[in-house]
Amino acid sequence: ADNQALVSAAAIGARKGKKHIISTAFEHHAILHTLKKLEKEGFE
């Protein structure tokens, strides 16, 4: 569910030219690792 949520929101943002995501330093790794993947795809 975490993976799908982040990937979906990122896709919505990318379609609008928005590629910045905010989270926290102590999230579960399901969030942090997905964010790392999105960083490799050009998200900040």
Full PDB file with SEQRES, HELIX, SHEET, SSBOND, CRYST1, ORIGX, SCALE, CONECT and MASTER records, all heavy atoms in Angstrom:
SEQRES   1 A   44  ALA ASP ASN GLN ALA LEU VAL SER ALA ALA ALA ILE GLY          
SEQRES   2 A   44  ALA ARG LYS GLY LYS LYS HIS ILE ILE SER THR ALA PHE          
SEQRES   3 A   44  GLU HIS HIS ALA ILE LEU HIS THR LEU LYS LYS LEU GLU          
SEQRES   4 A   44  LYS GLU GLY PHE GLU                                          
HELIX    1 AA1 ASP A    2  ARG A   15  1                                  14    
HELIX    2 AA2 HIS A   29  LYS A   40  1                                  12    
CRYST1    1.000    1.000    1.000  90.00  90.00  90.00 P 1           1          
ORIGX1      1.000000  0.000000  0.000000        0.00000                         
ORIGX2      0.000000  1.000000  0.000000        0.00000                         
ORIGX3      0.000000  0.000000  1.000000        0.00000                         
SCALE1      1.000000  0.000000  0.000000        0.00000                         
SCALE2      0.000000  1.000000  0.000000        0.00000                         
SCALE3      0.000000  0.000000  1.000000        0.00000                         
ATOM      1  N   ALA A   1       0.830  -1.204   0.000  1.00  0.00           N  
ATOM      2  CA  ALA A   1       0.000   0.000   0.000  1.00  0.00           C  
ATOM      3  C   ALA A   1       0.866   1.257   0.000  1.00  0.00           C  
ATOM      4  O   ALA A   1       0.579   2.229  -0.720  1.00  0.00           O  
ATOM      5  CB  ALA A   1      -0.936  -0.008   1.211  1.00  0.00           C  
ATOM      6  N   ASP A   2       1.938   1.269   0.801  1.00  0.00           N  
ATOM      7  CA  ASP A   2       2.858   2.404   0.820  1.00  0.00           C  
ATOM      8  C   ASP A   2       3.489   2.621  -0.546  1.00  0.00           C  
ATOM      9  O   ASP A   2       3.579   3.751  -1.043  1.00  0.00           O  
ATOM     10  CB  ASP A   2       3.963   2.177   1.853  1.00  0.00           C  
ATOM     11  CG  ASP A   2       3.509   2.450   3.279  1.00  0.00           C  
ATOM     12  OD1 ASP A   2       2.477   3.116   3.465  1.00  0.00           O  
ATOM     13  OD2 ASP A   2       4.206   1.997   4.214  1.00  0.00           O  
ATOM     14  N   ASN A   3       3.966   1.537  -1.144  1.00  0.00           N  
ATOM     15  CA  ASN A   3       4.600   1.635  -2.454  1.00  0.00           C  
ATOM     16  C   ASN A   3       3.646   2.213  -3.488  1.00  0.00           C  
ATOM     17  O   ASN A   3       3.999   3.125  -4.244  1.00  0.00           O  
ATOM     18  CB  ASN A   3       5.095   0.260  -2.914  1.00  0.00           C  
ATOM     19  CG  ASN A   3       6.467  -0.095  -2.391  1.00  0.00           C  
ATOM     20  OD1 ASN A   3       7.439  -0.077  -3.135  1.00  0.00           O  
ATOM     21  ND2 ASN A   3       6.562  -0.427  -1.121  1.00  0.00           N  
ATOM     22  N   GLN A   4       2.433   1.689  -3.524  1.00  0.00           N  
ATOM     23  CA  GLN A   4       1.475   2.161  -4.524  1.00  0.00           C  
ATOM     24  C   GLN A   4       1.083   3.611  -4.282  1.00  0.00           C  
ATOM     25  O   GLN A   4       0.914   4.384  -5.227  1.00  0.00           O  
ATOM     26  CB  GLN A   4       0.231   1.272  -4.542  1.00  0.00           C  
ATOM     27  CG  GLN A   4      -0.713   1.619  -5.693  1.00  0.00           C  
ATOM     28  CD  GLN A   4      -1.767   0.558  -5.936  1.00  0.00           C  
ATOM     29  OE1 GLN A   4      -2.080  -0.249  -5.062  1.00  0.00           O  
ATOM     30  NE2 GLN A   4      -2.324   0.548  -7.139  1.00  0.00           N  
ATOM     31  N   ALA A   5       0.951   4.001  -3.021  1.00  0.00           N  
ATOM     32  CA  ALA A   5       0.594   5.384  -2.696  1.00  0.00           C  
ATOM     33  C   ALA A   5       1.654   6.352  -3.203  1.00  0.00           C  
ATOM     34  O   ALA A   5       1.350   7.352  -3.872  1.00  0.00           O  
ATOM     35  CB  ALA A   5       0.407   5.536  -1.193  1.00  0.00           C  
ATOM     36  N   LEU A   6       2.918   6.076  -2.894  1.00  0.00           N  
ATOM     37  CA  LEU A   6       3.989   6.989  -3.285  1.00  0.00           C  
ATOM     38  C   LEU A   6       4.193   7.022  -4.795  1.00  0.00           C  
ATOM     39  O   LEU A   6       4.353   8.106  -5.386  1.00  0.00           O  
ATOM     40  CB  LEU A   6       5.298   6.597  -2.584  1.00  0.00           C  
ATOM     41  CG  LEU A   6       5.569   7.305  -1.248  1.00  0.00           C  
ATOM     42  CD1 LEU A   6       4.455   7.040  -0.246  1.00  0.00           C  
ATOM     43  CD2 LEU A   6       6.923   6.893  -0.676  1.00  0.00           C  
ATOM     44  N   VAL A   7       4.174   5.863  -5.421  1.00  0.00           N  
ATOM     45  CA  VAL A   7       4.362   5.809  -6.868  1.00  0.00           C  
ATOM     46  C   VAL A   7       3.219   6.534  -7.580  1.00  0.00           C  
ATOM     47  O   VAL A   7       3.436   7.251  -8.567  1.00  0.00           O  
ATOM     48  CB  VAL A   7       4.468   4.341  -7.331  1.00  0.00           C  
ATOM     49  CG1 VAL A   7       4.381   4.236  -8.846  1.00  0.00           C  
ATOM     50  CG2 VAL A   7       5.768   3.717  -6.833  1.00  0.00           C  
ATOM     51  N   SER A   8       2.003   6.367  -7.067  1.00  0.00           N  
ATOM     52  CA  SER A   8       0.846   7.014  -7.683  1.00  0.00           C  
ATOM     53  C   SER A   8       0.911   8.527  -7.556  1.00  0.00           C  
ATOM     54  O   SER A   8       0.701   9.267  -8.528  1.00  0.00           O  
ATOM     55  CB  SER A   8      -0.444   6.492  -7.039  1.00  0.00           C  
ATOM     56  OG  SER A   8      -0.592   5.096  -7.225  1.00  0.00           O  
ATOM     57  N   ALA A   9       1.213   9.013  -6.357  1.00  0.00           N  
ATOM     58  CA  ALA A   9       1.301  10.457  -6.142  1.00  0.00           C  
ATOM     59  C   ALA A   9       2.443  11.061  -6.957  1.00  0.00           C  
ATOM     60  O   ALA A   9       2.319  12.177  -7.488  1.00  0.00           O  
ATOM     61  CB  ALA A   9       1.485  10.749  -4.657  1.00  0.00           C  
ATOM     62  N   ALA A  10       3.546  10.327  -7.066  1.00  0.00           N  
ATOM     63  CA  ALA A  10       4.671  10.809  -7.856  1.00  0.00           C  
ATOM     64  C   ALA A  10       4.290  10.915  -9.330  1.00  0.00           C  
ATOM     65  O   ALA A  10       4.662  11.886 -10.012  1.00  0.00           O  
ATOM     66  CB  ALA A  10       5.867   9.874  -7.684  1.00  0.00           C  
ATOM     67  N   ALA A  11       3.547   9.935  -9.821  1.00  0.00           N  
ATOM     68  CA  ALA A  11       3.114   9.968 -11.220  1.00  0.00           C  
ATOM     69  C   ALA A  11       2.193  11.147 -11.484  1.00  0.00           C  
ATOM     70  O   ALA A  11       2.283  11.815 -12.521  1.00  0.00           O  
ATOM     71  CB  ALA A  11       2.423   8.651 -11.581  1.00  0.00           C  
ATOM     72  N   ILE A  12       1.294  11.416 -10.536  1.00  0.00           N  
ATOM     73  CA  ILE A  12       0.397  12.572 -10.666  1.00  0.00           C  
ATOM     74  C   ILE A  12       1.215  13.857 -10.702  1.00  0.00           C  
ATOM     75  O   ILE A  12       0.975  14.753 -11.525  1.00  0.00           O  
ATOM     76  CB  ILE A  12      -0.613  12.605  -9.499  1.00  0.00           C  
ATOM     77  CG1 ILE A  12      -1.564  11.413  -9.590  1.00  0.00           C  
ATOM     78  CG2 ILE A  12      -1.394  13.919  -9.485  1.00  0.00           C  
ATOM     79  CD1 ILE A  12      -2.449  11.239  -8.362  1.00  0.00           C  
ATOM     80  N   GLY A  13       2.192  13.954  -9.813  1.00  0.00           N  
ATOM     81  CA  GLY A  13       3.041  15.136  -9.779  1.00  0.00           C  
ATOM     82  C   GLY A  13       3.853  15.318 -11.044  1.00  0.00           C  
ATOM     83  O   GLY A  13       3.967  16.434 -11.576  1.00  0.00           O  
ATOM     84  N   ALA A  14       4.413  14.224 -11.550  1.00  0.00           N  
ATOM     85  CA  ALA A  14       5.243  14.292 -12.749  1.00  0.00           C  
ATOM     86  C   ALA A  14       4.447  14.809 -13.942  1.00  0.00           C  
ATOM     87  O   ALA A  14       4.977  15.564 -14.776  1.00  0.00           O  
ATOM     88  CB  ALA A  14       5.841  12.919 -13.048  1.00  0.00           C  
ATOM     89  N   ARG A  15       3.179  14.408 -14.037  1.00  0.00           N  
ATOM     90  CA  ARG A  15       2.342  14.872 -15.140  1.00  0.00           C  
ATOM     91  C   ARG A  15       2.113  16.381 -15.075  1.00  0.00           C  
ATOM     92  O   ARG A  15       1.819  17.023 -16.081  1.00  0.00           O  
ATOM     93  CB  ARG A  15       1.001  14.126 -15.146  1.00  0.00           C  
ATOM     94  CG  ARG A  15       1.111  12.663 -15.556  1.00  0.00           C  
ATOM     95  CD  ARG A  15      -0.236  12.052 -15.849  1.00  0.00           C  
ATOM     96  NE  ARG A  15      -1.041  11.868 -14.658  1.00  0.00           N  
ATOM     97  CZ  ARG A  15      -1.068  10.764 -13.920  1.00  0.00           C  
ATOM     98  NH1 ARG A  15      -0.278   9.740 -14.252  1.00  0.00           N  
ATOM     99  NH2 ARG A  15      -1.834  10.662 -12.858  1.00  0.00           N  
ATOM    100  N   LYS A  16       2.259  16.938 -13.870  1.00  0.00           N  
ATOM    101  CA  LYS A  16       2.070  18.385 -13.682  1.00  0.00           C  
ATOM    102  C   LYS A  16       3.403  19.135 -13.601  1.00  0.00           C  
ATOM    103  O   LYS A  16       3.422  20.345 -13.340  1.00  0.00           O  
ATOM    104  CB  LYS A  16       1.277  18.633 -12.401  1.00  0.00           C  
ATOM    105  CG  LYS A  16      -0.125  18.032 -12.400  1.00  0.00           C  
ATOM    106  CD  LYS A  16      -0.813  18.282 -11.062  1.00  0.00           C  
ATOM    107  CE  LYS A  16      -2.215  17.691 -11.034  1.00  0.00           C  
ATOM    108  NZ  LYS A  16      -2.888  17.909  -9.713  1.00  0.00           N  
ATOM    109  N   GLY A  17       4.498  18.406 -13.795  1.00  0.00           N  
ATOM    110  CA  GLY A  17       5.807  19.026 -13.708  1.00  0.00           C  
ATOM    111  C   GLY A  17       6.259  19.274 -12.285  1.00  0.00           C  
ATOM    112  O   GLY A  17       7.152  20.097 -12.042  1.00  0.00           O  
ATOM    113  N   LYS A  18       5.666  18.562 -11.324  1.00  0.00           N  
ATOM    114  CA  LYS A  18       6.029  18.715  -9.912  1.00  0.00           C  
ATOM    115  C   LYS A  18       6.728  17.442  -9.441  1.00  0.00           C  
ATOM    116  O   LYS A  18       6.136  16.359  -9.461  1.00  0.00           O  
ATOM    117  CB  LYS A  18       4.788  18.977  -9.066  1.00  0.00           C  
ATOM    118  CG  LYS A  18       4.065  20.271  -9.416  1.00  0.00           C  
ATOM    119  CD  LYS A  18       2.882  20.515  -8.492  1.00  0.00           C  
ATOM    120  CE  LYS A  18       2.224  21.855  -8.790  1.00  0.00           C  
ATOM    121  NZ  LYS A  18       1.124  22.155  -7.833  1.00  0.00           N  
ATOM    122  N   LYS A  19       7.963  17.573  -8.981  1.00  0.00           N  
ATOM    123  CA  LYS A  19       8.748  16.388  -8.632  1.00  0.00           C  
ATOM    124  C   LYS A  19       9.477  16.548  -7.301  1.00  0.00           C  
ATOM    125  O   LYS A  19      10.593  16.073  -7.116  1.00  0.00           O  
ATOM    126  CB  LYS A  19       9.732  16.061  -9.759  1.00  0.00           C  
ATOM    127  CG  LYS A  19       9.061  15.865 -11.126  1.00  0.00           C  
ATOM    128  CD  LYS A  19       9.992  15.310 -12.165  1.00  0.00           C  
ATOM    129  CE  LYS A  19      10.267  13.844 -11.961  1.00  0.00           C  
ATOM    130  NZ  LYS A  19      11.049  13.227 -13.056  1.00  0.00           N  
ATOM    131  N   HIS A  20       8.805  17.203  -6.354  1.00  0.00           N  
ATOM    132  CA  HIS A  20       9.375  17.355  -5.017  1.00  0.00           C  
ATOM    133  C   HIS A  20       8.480  16.647  -4.004  1.00  0.00           C  
ATOM    134  O   HIS A  20       7.258  16.824  -4.013  1.00  0.00           O  
ATOM    135  CB  HIS A  20       9.496  18.838  -4.646  1.00  0.00           C  
ATOM    136  CG  HIS A  20       9.983  19.071  -3.247  1.00  0.00           C  
ATOM    137  ND1 HIS A  20       9.274  19.817  -2.317  1.00  0.00           N  
ATOM    138  CD2 HIS A  20      11.104  18.645  -2.596  1.00  0.00           C  
ATOM    139  CE1 HIS A  20       9.945  19.852  -1.184  1.00  0.00           C  
ATOM    140  NE2 HIS A  20      11.051  19.155  -1.317  1.00  0.00           N  
ATOM    141  N   ILE A  21       9.076  15.821  -3.146  1.00  0.00           N  
ATOM    142  CA  ILE A  21       8.339  15.030  -2.160  1.00  0.00           C  
ATOM    143  C   ILE A  21       8.884  15.324  -0.770  1.00  0.00           C  
ATOM    144  O   ILE A  21      10.101  15.418  -0.571  1.00  0.00           O  
ATOM    145  CB  ILE A  21       8.448  13.522  -2.466  1.00  0.00           C  
ATOM    146  CG1 ILE A  21       7.880  13.210  -3.849  1.00  0.00           C  
ATOM    147  CG2 ILE A  21       7.729  12.705  -1.391  1.00  0.00           C  
ATOM    148  CD1 ILE A  21       8.121  11.776  -4.304  1.00  0.00           C  
ATOM    149  N   ILE A  22       7.984  15.443   0.190  1.00  0.00           N  
ATOM    150  CA  ILE A  22       8.362  15.683   1.584  1.00  0.00           C  
ATOM    151  C   ILE A  22       7.975  14.480   2.435  1.00  0.00           C  
ATOM    152  O   ILE A  22       6.864  13.960   2.317  1.00  0.00           O  
ATOM    153  CB  ILE A  22       7.661  16.941   2.137  1.00  0.00           C  
ATOM    154  CG1 ILE A  22       8.083  18.183   1.347  1.00  0.00           C  
ATOM    155  CG2 ILE A  22       7.971  17.132   3.624  1.00  0.00           C  
ATOM    156  CD1 ILE A  22       7.246  19.410   1.672  1.00  0.00           C  
ATOM    157  N   SER A  23       8.891  14.034   3.268  1.00  0.00           N  
ATOM    158  CA  SER A  23       8.591  12.953   4.216  1.00  0.00           C  
ATOM    159  C   SER A  23       9.421  13.216   5.472  1.00  0.00           C  
ATOM    160  O   SER A  23       9.913  14.310   5.690  1.00  0.00           O  
ATOM    161  CB  SER A  23       8.890  11.587   3.600  1.00  0.00           C  
ATOM    162  OG  SER A  23       8.389  10.543   4.418  1.00  0.00           O  
ATOM    163  N   THR A  24       9.576  12.201   6.317  1.00  0.00           N  
ATOM    164  CA  THR A  24      10.363  12.368   7.537  1.00  0.00           C  
ATOM    165  C   THR A  24      11.508  11.365   7.575  1.00  0.00           C  
ATOM    166  O   THR A  24      11.502  10.365   6.852  1.00  0.00           O  
ATOM    167  CB  THR A  24       9.500  12.191   8.803  1.00  0.00           C  
ATOM    168  OG1 THR A  24       9.243  10.787   9.006  1.00  0.00           O  
ATOM    169  CG2 THR A  24       8.187  12.940   8.684  1.00  0.00           C  
ATOM    170  N   ALA A  25      12.453  11.638   8.459  1.00  0.00           N  
ATOM    171  CA  ALA A  25      13.666  10.820   8.540  1.00  0.00           C  
ATOM    172  C   ALA A  25      13.439   9.476   9.205  1.00  0.00           C  
ATOM    173  O   ALA A  25      14.315   8.611   9.144  1.00  0.00           O  
ATOM    174  CB  ALA A  25      14.759  11.582   9.286  1.00  0.00           C  
ATOM    175  N   PHE A  26      12.274   9.281   9.855  1.00  0.00           N  
ATOM    176  CA  PHE A  26      12.116   8.010  10.574  1.00  0.00           C  
ATOM    177  C   PHE A  26      10.925   7.187  10.076  1.00  0.00           C  
ATOM    178  O   PHE A  26      10.363   6.382  10.809  1.00  0.00           O  
ATOM    179  CB  PHE A  26      12.053   8.236  12.075  1.00  0.00           C  
ATOM    180  CG  PHE A  26      10.768   8.817  12.639  1.00  0.00           C  
ATOM    181  CD1 PHE A  26      10.484   8.675  13.983  1.00  0.00           C  
ATOM    182  CD2 PHE A  26       9.855   9.471  11.851  1.00  0.00           C  
ATOM    183  CE1 PHE A  26       9.320   9.171  14.543  1.00  0.00           C  
ATOM    184  CE2 PHE A  26       8.678   9.971  12.378  1.00  0.00           C  
ATOM    185  CZ  PHE A  26       8.413   9.822  13.725  1.00  0.00           C  
ATOM    186  N   GLU A  27      10.587   7.366   8.808  1.00  0.00           N  
ATOM    187  CA  GLU A  27       9.532   6.560   8.209  1.00  0.00           C  
ATOM    188  C   GLU A  27       9.941   5.085   8.139  1.00  0.00           C  
ATOM    189  O   GLU A  27      11.125   4.738   8.212  1.00  0.00           O  
ATOM    190  CB  GLU A  27       9.216   7.060   6.803  1.00  0.00           C  
ATOM    191  CG  GLU A  27       8.686   8.466   6.721  1.00  0.00           C  
ATOM    192  CD  GLU A  27       7.290   8.618   7.299  1.00  0.00           C  
ATOM    193  OE1 GLU A  27       6.425   7.777   7.001  1.00  0.00           O  
ATOM    194  OE2 GLU A  27       7.063   9.586   8.052  1.00  0.00           O  
ATOM    195  N   HIS A  28       8.946   4.239   7.936  1.00  0.00           N  
ATOM    196  CA  HIS A  28       9.211   2.818   7.693  1.00  0.00           C  
ATOM    197  C   HIS A  28       9.983   2.689   6.378  1.00  0.00           C  
ATOM    198  O   HIS A  28       9.860   3.517   5.484  1.00  0.00           O  
ATOM    199  CB  HIS A  28       7.883   2.063   7.606  1.00  0.00           C  
ATOM    200  CG  HIS A  28       8.027   0.578   7.589  1.00  0.00           C  
ATOM    201  ND1 HIS A  28       8.272  -0.123   6.426  1.00  0.00           N  
ATOM    202  CD2 HIS A  28       7.946  -0.352   8.575  1.00  0.00           C  
ATOM    203  CE1 HIS A  28       8.333  -1.426   6.706  1.00  0.00           C  
ATOM    204  NE2 HIS A  28       8.155  -1.582   7.997  1.00  0.00           N  
ATOM    205  N   HIS A  29      10.778   1.642   6.261  1.00  0.00           N  
ATOM    206  CA  HIS A  29      11.573   1.472   5.051  1.00  0.00           C  
ATOM    207  C   HIS A  29      10.726   1.251   3.800  1.00  0.00           C  
ATOM    208  O   HIS A  29      11.223   1.457   2.678  1.00  0.00           O  
ATOM    209  CB  HIS A  29      12.565   0.321   5.227  1.00  0.00           C  
ATOM    210  CG  HIS A  29      13.772   0.694   6.022  1.00  0.00           C  
ATOM    211  ND1 HIS A  29      14.141   0.047   7.181  1.00  0.00           N  
ATOM    212  CD2 HIS A  29      14.692   1.682   5.849  1.00  0.00           C  
ATOM    213  CE1 HIS A  29      15.229   0.599   7.672  1.00  0.00           C  
ATOM    214  NE2 HIS A  29      15.583   1.599   6.895  1.00  0.00           N  
ATOM    215  N   ALA A  30       9.487   0.855   3.952  1.00  0.00           N  
ATOM    216  CA  ALA A  30       8.610   0.773   2.785  1.00  0.00           C  
ATOM    217  C   ALA A  30       8.456   2.146   2.138  1.00  0.00           C  
ATOM    218  O   ALA A  30       8.304   2.259   0.923  1.00  0.00           O  
ATOM    219  CB  ALA A  30       7.235   0.228   3.185  1.00  0.00           C  
ATOM    220  N   ILE A  31       8.508   3.187   2.952  1.00  0.00           N  
ATOM    221  CA  ILE A  31       8.467   4.559   2.451  1.00  0.00           C  
ATOM    222  C   ILE A  31       9.852   5.007   2.005  1.00  0.00           C  
ATOM    223  O   ILE A  31      10.048   5.472   0.871  1.00  0.00           O  
ATOM    224  CB  ILE A  31       7.937   5.525   3.532  1.00  0.00           C  
ATOM    225  CG1 ILE A  31       6.485   5.182   3.894  1.00  0.00           C  
ATOM    226  CG2 ILE A  31       8.062   6.974   3.066  1.00  0.00           C  
ATOM    227  CD1 ILE A  31       5.482   5.443   2.813  1.00  0.00           C  
ATOM    228  N   LEU A  32      10.848   4.872   2.876  1.00  0.00           N  
ATOM    229  CA  LEU A  32      12.177   5.405   2.587  1.00  0.00           C  
ATOM    230  C   LEU A  32      12.816   4.754   1.359  1.00  0.00           C  
ATOM    231  O   LEU A  32      13.454   5.432   0.548  1.00  0.00           O  
ATOM    232  CB  LEU A  32      13.082   5.228   3.812  1.00  0.00           C  
ATOM    233  CG  LEU A  32      12.682   6.037   5.052  1.00  0.00           C  
ATOM    234  CD1 LEU A  32      13.611   5.723   6.219  1.00  0.00           C  
ATOM    235  CD2 LEU A  32      12.687   7.534   4.760  1.00  0.00           C  
ATOM    236  N   HIS A  33      12.651   3.449   1.214  1.00  0.00           N  
ATOM    237  CA  HIS A  33      13.244   2.779   0.058  1.00  0.00           C  
ATOM    238  C   HIS A  33      12.530   3.154  -1.237  1.00  0.00           C  
ATOM    239  O   HIS A  33      13.173   3.270  -2.298  1.00  0.00           O  
ATOM    240  CB  HIS A  33      13.212   1.263   0.255  1.00  0.00           C  
ATOM    241  CG  HIS A  33      14.161   0.784   1.306  1.00  0.00           C  
ATOM    242  ND1 HIS A  33      14.252  -0.544   1.696  1.00  0.00           N  
ATOM    243  CD2 HIS A  33      15.065   1.443   2.066  1.00  0.00           C  
ATOM    244  CE1 HIS A  33      15.169  -0.667   2.638  1.00  0.00           C  
ATOM    245  NE2 HIS A  33      15.670   0.526   2.882  1.00  0.00           N  
ATOM    246  N   THR A  34      11.218   3.362  -1.167  1.00  0.00           N  
ATOM    247  CA  THR A  34      10.488   3.809  -2.350  1.00  0.00           C  
ATOM    248  C   THR A  34      10.907   5.226  -2.730  1.00  0.00           C  
ATOM    249  O   THR A  34      11.026   5.556  -3.919  1.00  0.00           O  
ATOM    250  CB  THR A  34       8.970   3.754  -2.107  1.00  0.00           C  
ATOM    251  OG1 THR A  34       8.607   2.438  -1.684  1.00  0.00           O  
ATOM    252  CG2 THR A  34       8.199   4.085  -3.372  1.00  0.00           C  
ATOM    253  N   LEU A  35      11.142   6.060  -1.730  1.00  0.00           N  
ATOM    254  CA  LEU A  35      11.616   7.415  -2.001  1.00  0.00           C  
ATOM    255  C   LEU A  35      12.994   7.387  -2.665  1.00  0.00           C  
ATOM    256  O   LEU A  35      13.279   8.188  -3.566  1.00  0.00           O  
ATOM    257  CB  LEU A  35      11.665   8.226  -0.711  1.00  0.00           C  
ATOM    258  CG  LEU A  35      10.310   8.571  -0.076  1.00  0.00           C  
ATOM    259  CD1 LEU A  35      10.516   9.294   1.249  1.00  0.00           C  
ATOM    260  CD2 LEU A  35       9.462   9.422  -1.023  1.00  0.00           C  
ATOM    261  N   LYS A  36      13.856   6.482  -2.219  1.00  0.00           N  
ATOM    262  CA  LYS A  36      15.170   6.344  -2.844  1.00  0.00           C  
ATOM    263  C   LYS A  36      15.021   5.979  -4.323  1.00  0.00           C  
ATOM    264  O   LYS A  36      15.736   6.499  -5.196  1.00  0.00           O  
ATOM    265  CB  LYS A  36      15.991   5.273  -2.123  1.00  0.00           C  
ATOM    266  CG  LYS A  36      16.614   5.717  -0.807  1.00  0.00           C  
ATOM    267  CD  LYS A  36      17.740   6.710  -1.066  1.00  0.00           C  
ATOM    268  CE  LYS A  36      18.454   7.046   0.245  1.00  0.00           C  
ATOM    269  NZ  LYS A  36      19.506   8.079   0.016  1.00  0.00           N  
ATOM    270  N   LYS A  37      14.094   5.088  -4.598  1.00  0.00           N  
ATOM    271  CA  LYS A  37      13.840   4.693  -5.983  1.00  0.00           C  
ATOM    272  C   LYS A  37      13.352   5.882  -6.801  1.00  0.00           C  
ATOM    273  O   LYS A  37      13.781   6.092  -7.945  1.00  0.00           O  
ATOM    274  CB  LYS A  37      12.815   3.556  -6.007  1.00  0.00           C  
ATOM    275  CG  LYS A  37      12.442   3.078  -7.392  1.00  0.00           C  
ATOM    276  CD  LYS A  37      11.406   1.971  -7.324  1.00  0.00           C  
ATOM    277  CE  LYS A  37      10.980   1.540  -8.729  1.00  0.00           C  
ATOM    278  NZ  LYS A  37       9.936   0.481  -8.683  1.00  0.00           N  
ATOM    279  N   LEU A  38      12.458   6.680  -6.219  1.00  0.00           N  
ATOM    280  CA  LEU A  38      11.933   7.847  -6.928  1.00  0.00           C  
ATOM    281  C   LEU A  38      13.009   8.903  -7.155  1.00  0.00           C  
ATOM    282  O   LEU A  38      12.985   9.618  -8.168  1.00  0.00           O  
ATOM    283  CB  LEU A  38      10.750   8.433  -6.159  1.00  0.00           C  
ATOM    284  CG  LEU A  38       9.481   7.565  -6.153  1.00  0.00           C  
ATOM    285  CD1 LEU A  38       8.446   8.134  -5.180  1.00  0.00           C  
ATOM    286  CD2 LEU A  38       8.891   7.473  -7.563  1.00  0.00           C  
ATOM    287  N   GLU A  39      13.953   9.012  -6.216  1.00  0.00           N  
ATOM    288  CA  GLU A  39      15.066   9.939  -6.411  1.00  0.00           C  
ATOM    289  C   GLU A  39      15.857   9.577  -7.663  1.00  0.00           C  
ATOM    290  O   GLU A  39      16.295  10.454  -8.408  1.00  0.00           O  
ATOM    291  CB  GLU A  39      15.985   9.928  -5.190  1.00  0.00           C  
ATOM    292  CG  GLU A  39      15.477  10.743  -4.017  1.00  0.00           C  
ATOM    293  CD  GLU A  39      16.473  10.807  -2.871  1.00  0.00           C  
ATOM    294  OE1 GLU A  39      17.036   9.746  -2.512  1.00  0.00           O  
ATOM    295  OE2 GLU A  39      16.679  11.912  -2.349  1.00  0.00           O  
ATOM    296  N   LYS A  40      16.034   8.285  -7.895  1.00  0.00           N  
ATOM    297  CA  LYS A  40      16.760   7.837  -9.085  1.00  0.00           C  
ATOM    298  C   LYS A  40      15.994   8.157 -10.362  1.00  0.00           C  
ATOM    299  O   LYS A  40      16.584   8.165 -11.454  1.00  0.00           O  
ATOM    300  CB  LYS A  40      17.034   6.337  -8.994  1.00  0.00           C  
ATOM    301  CG  LYS A  40      17.974   5.951  -7.862  1.00  0.00           C  
ATOM    302  CD  LYS A  40      18.159   4.450  -7.776  1.00  0.00           C  
ATOM    303  CE  LYS A  40      19.075   4.073  -6.611  1.00  0.00           C  
ATOM    304  NZ  LYS A  40      19.228   2.596  -6.485  1.00  0.00           N  
ATOM    305  N   GLU A  41      14.680   8.401 -10.212  1.00  0.00           N  
ATOM    306  CA  GLU A  41      13.849   8.743 -11.367  1.00  0.00           C  
ATOM    307  C   GLU A  41      13.699  10.250 -11.529  1.00  0.00           C  
ATOM    308  O   GLU A  41      12.878  10.712 -12.320  1.00  0.00           O  
ATOM    309  CB  GLU A  41      12.473   8.083 -11.218  1.00  0.00           C  
ATOM    310  CG  GLU A  41      12.539   6.561 -11.205  1.00  0.00           C  
ATOM    311  CD  GLU A  41      11.186   5.912 -10.935  1.00  0.00           C  
ATOM    312  OE1 GLU A  41      10.166   6.640 -10.902  1.00  0.00           O  
ATOM    313  OE2 GLU A  41      11.144   4.680 -10.754  1.00  0.00           O  
ATOM    314  N   GLY A  42      14.465  11.003 -10.758  1.00  0.00           N  
ATOM    315  CA  GLY A  42      14.484  12.442 -10.944  1.00  0.00           C  
ATOM    316  C   GLY A  42      13.701  13.254  -9.937  1.00  0.00           C  
ATOM    317  O   GLY A  42      13.621  14.488 -10.058  1.00  0.00           O  
ATOM    318  N   PHE A  43      13.141  12.619  -8.922  1.00  0.00           N  
ATOM    319  CA  PHE A  43      12.409  13.347  -7.888  1.00  0.00           C  
ATOM    320  C   PHE A  43      13.374  13.846  -6.810  1.00  0.00           C  
ATOM    321  O   PHE A  43      14.397  13.210  -6.531  1.00  0.00           O  
ATOM    322  CB  PHE A  43      11.333  12.461  -7.252  1.00  0.00           C  
ATOM    323  CG  PHE A  43      10.150  12.219  -8.149  1.00  0.00           C  
ATOM    324  CD1 PHE A  43      10.184  11.225  -9.113  1.00  0.00           C  
ATOM    325  CD2 PHE A  43       9.011  12.991  -8.039  1.00  0.00           C  
ATOM    326  CE1 PHE A  43       9.106  11.007  -9.956  1.00  0.00           C  
ATOM    327  CE2 PHE A  43       7.919  12.779  -8.871  1.00  0.00           C  
ATOM    328  CZ  PHE A  43       7.969  11.782  -9.837  1.00  0.00           C  
ATOM    329  N   GLU A  44      13.029  14.970  -6.218  1.00  0.00           N  
ATOM    330  CA  GLU A  44      13.805  15.508  -5.108  1.00  0.00           C  
ATOM    331  C   GLU A  44      13.046  15.243  -3.816  1.00  0.00           C  
ATOM    332  O   GLU A  44      11.844  15.517  -3.731  1.00  0.00           O  
ATOM    333  CB  GLU A  44      14.027  17.009  -5.274  1.00  0.00           C  
ATOM    334  CG  GLU A  44      14.885  17.622  -4.180  1.00  0.00           C  
ATOM    335  CD  GLU A  44      15.093  19.113  -4.358  1.00  0.00           C  
ATOM    336  OE1 GLU A  44      14.730  19.651  -5.424  1.00  0.00           O  
ATOM    337  OE2 GLU A  44      15.612  19.751  -3.416  1.00  0.00           O  
TER     338      GLU A  44                                                      
MASTER        0    0    0    2    0    0    0    6  337    1    0    4          
END                                                                             
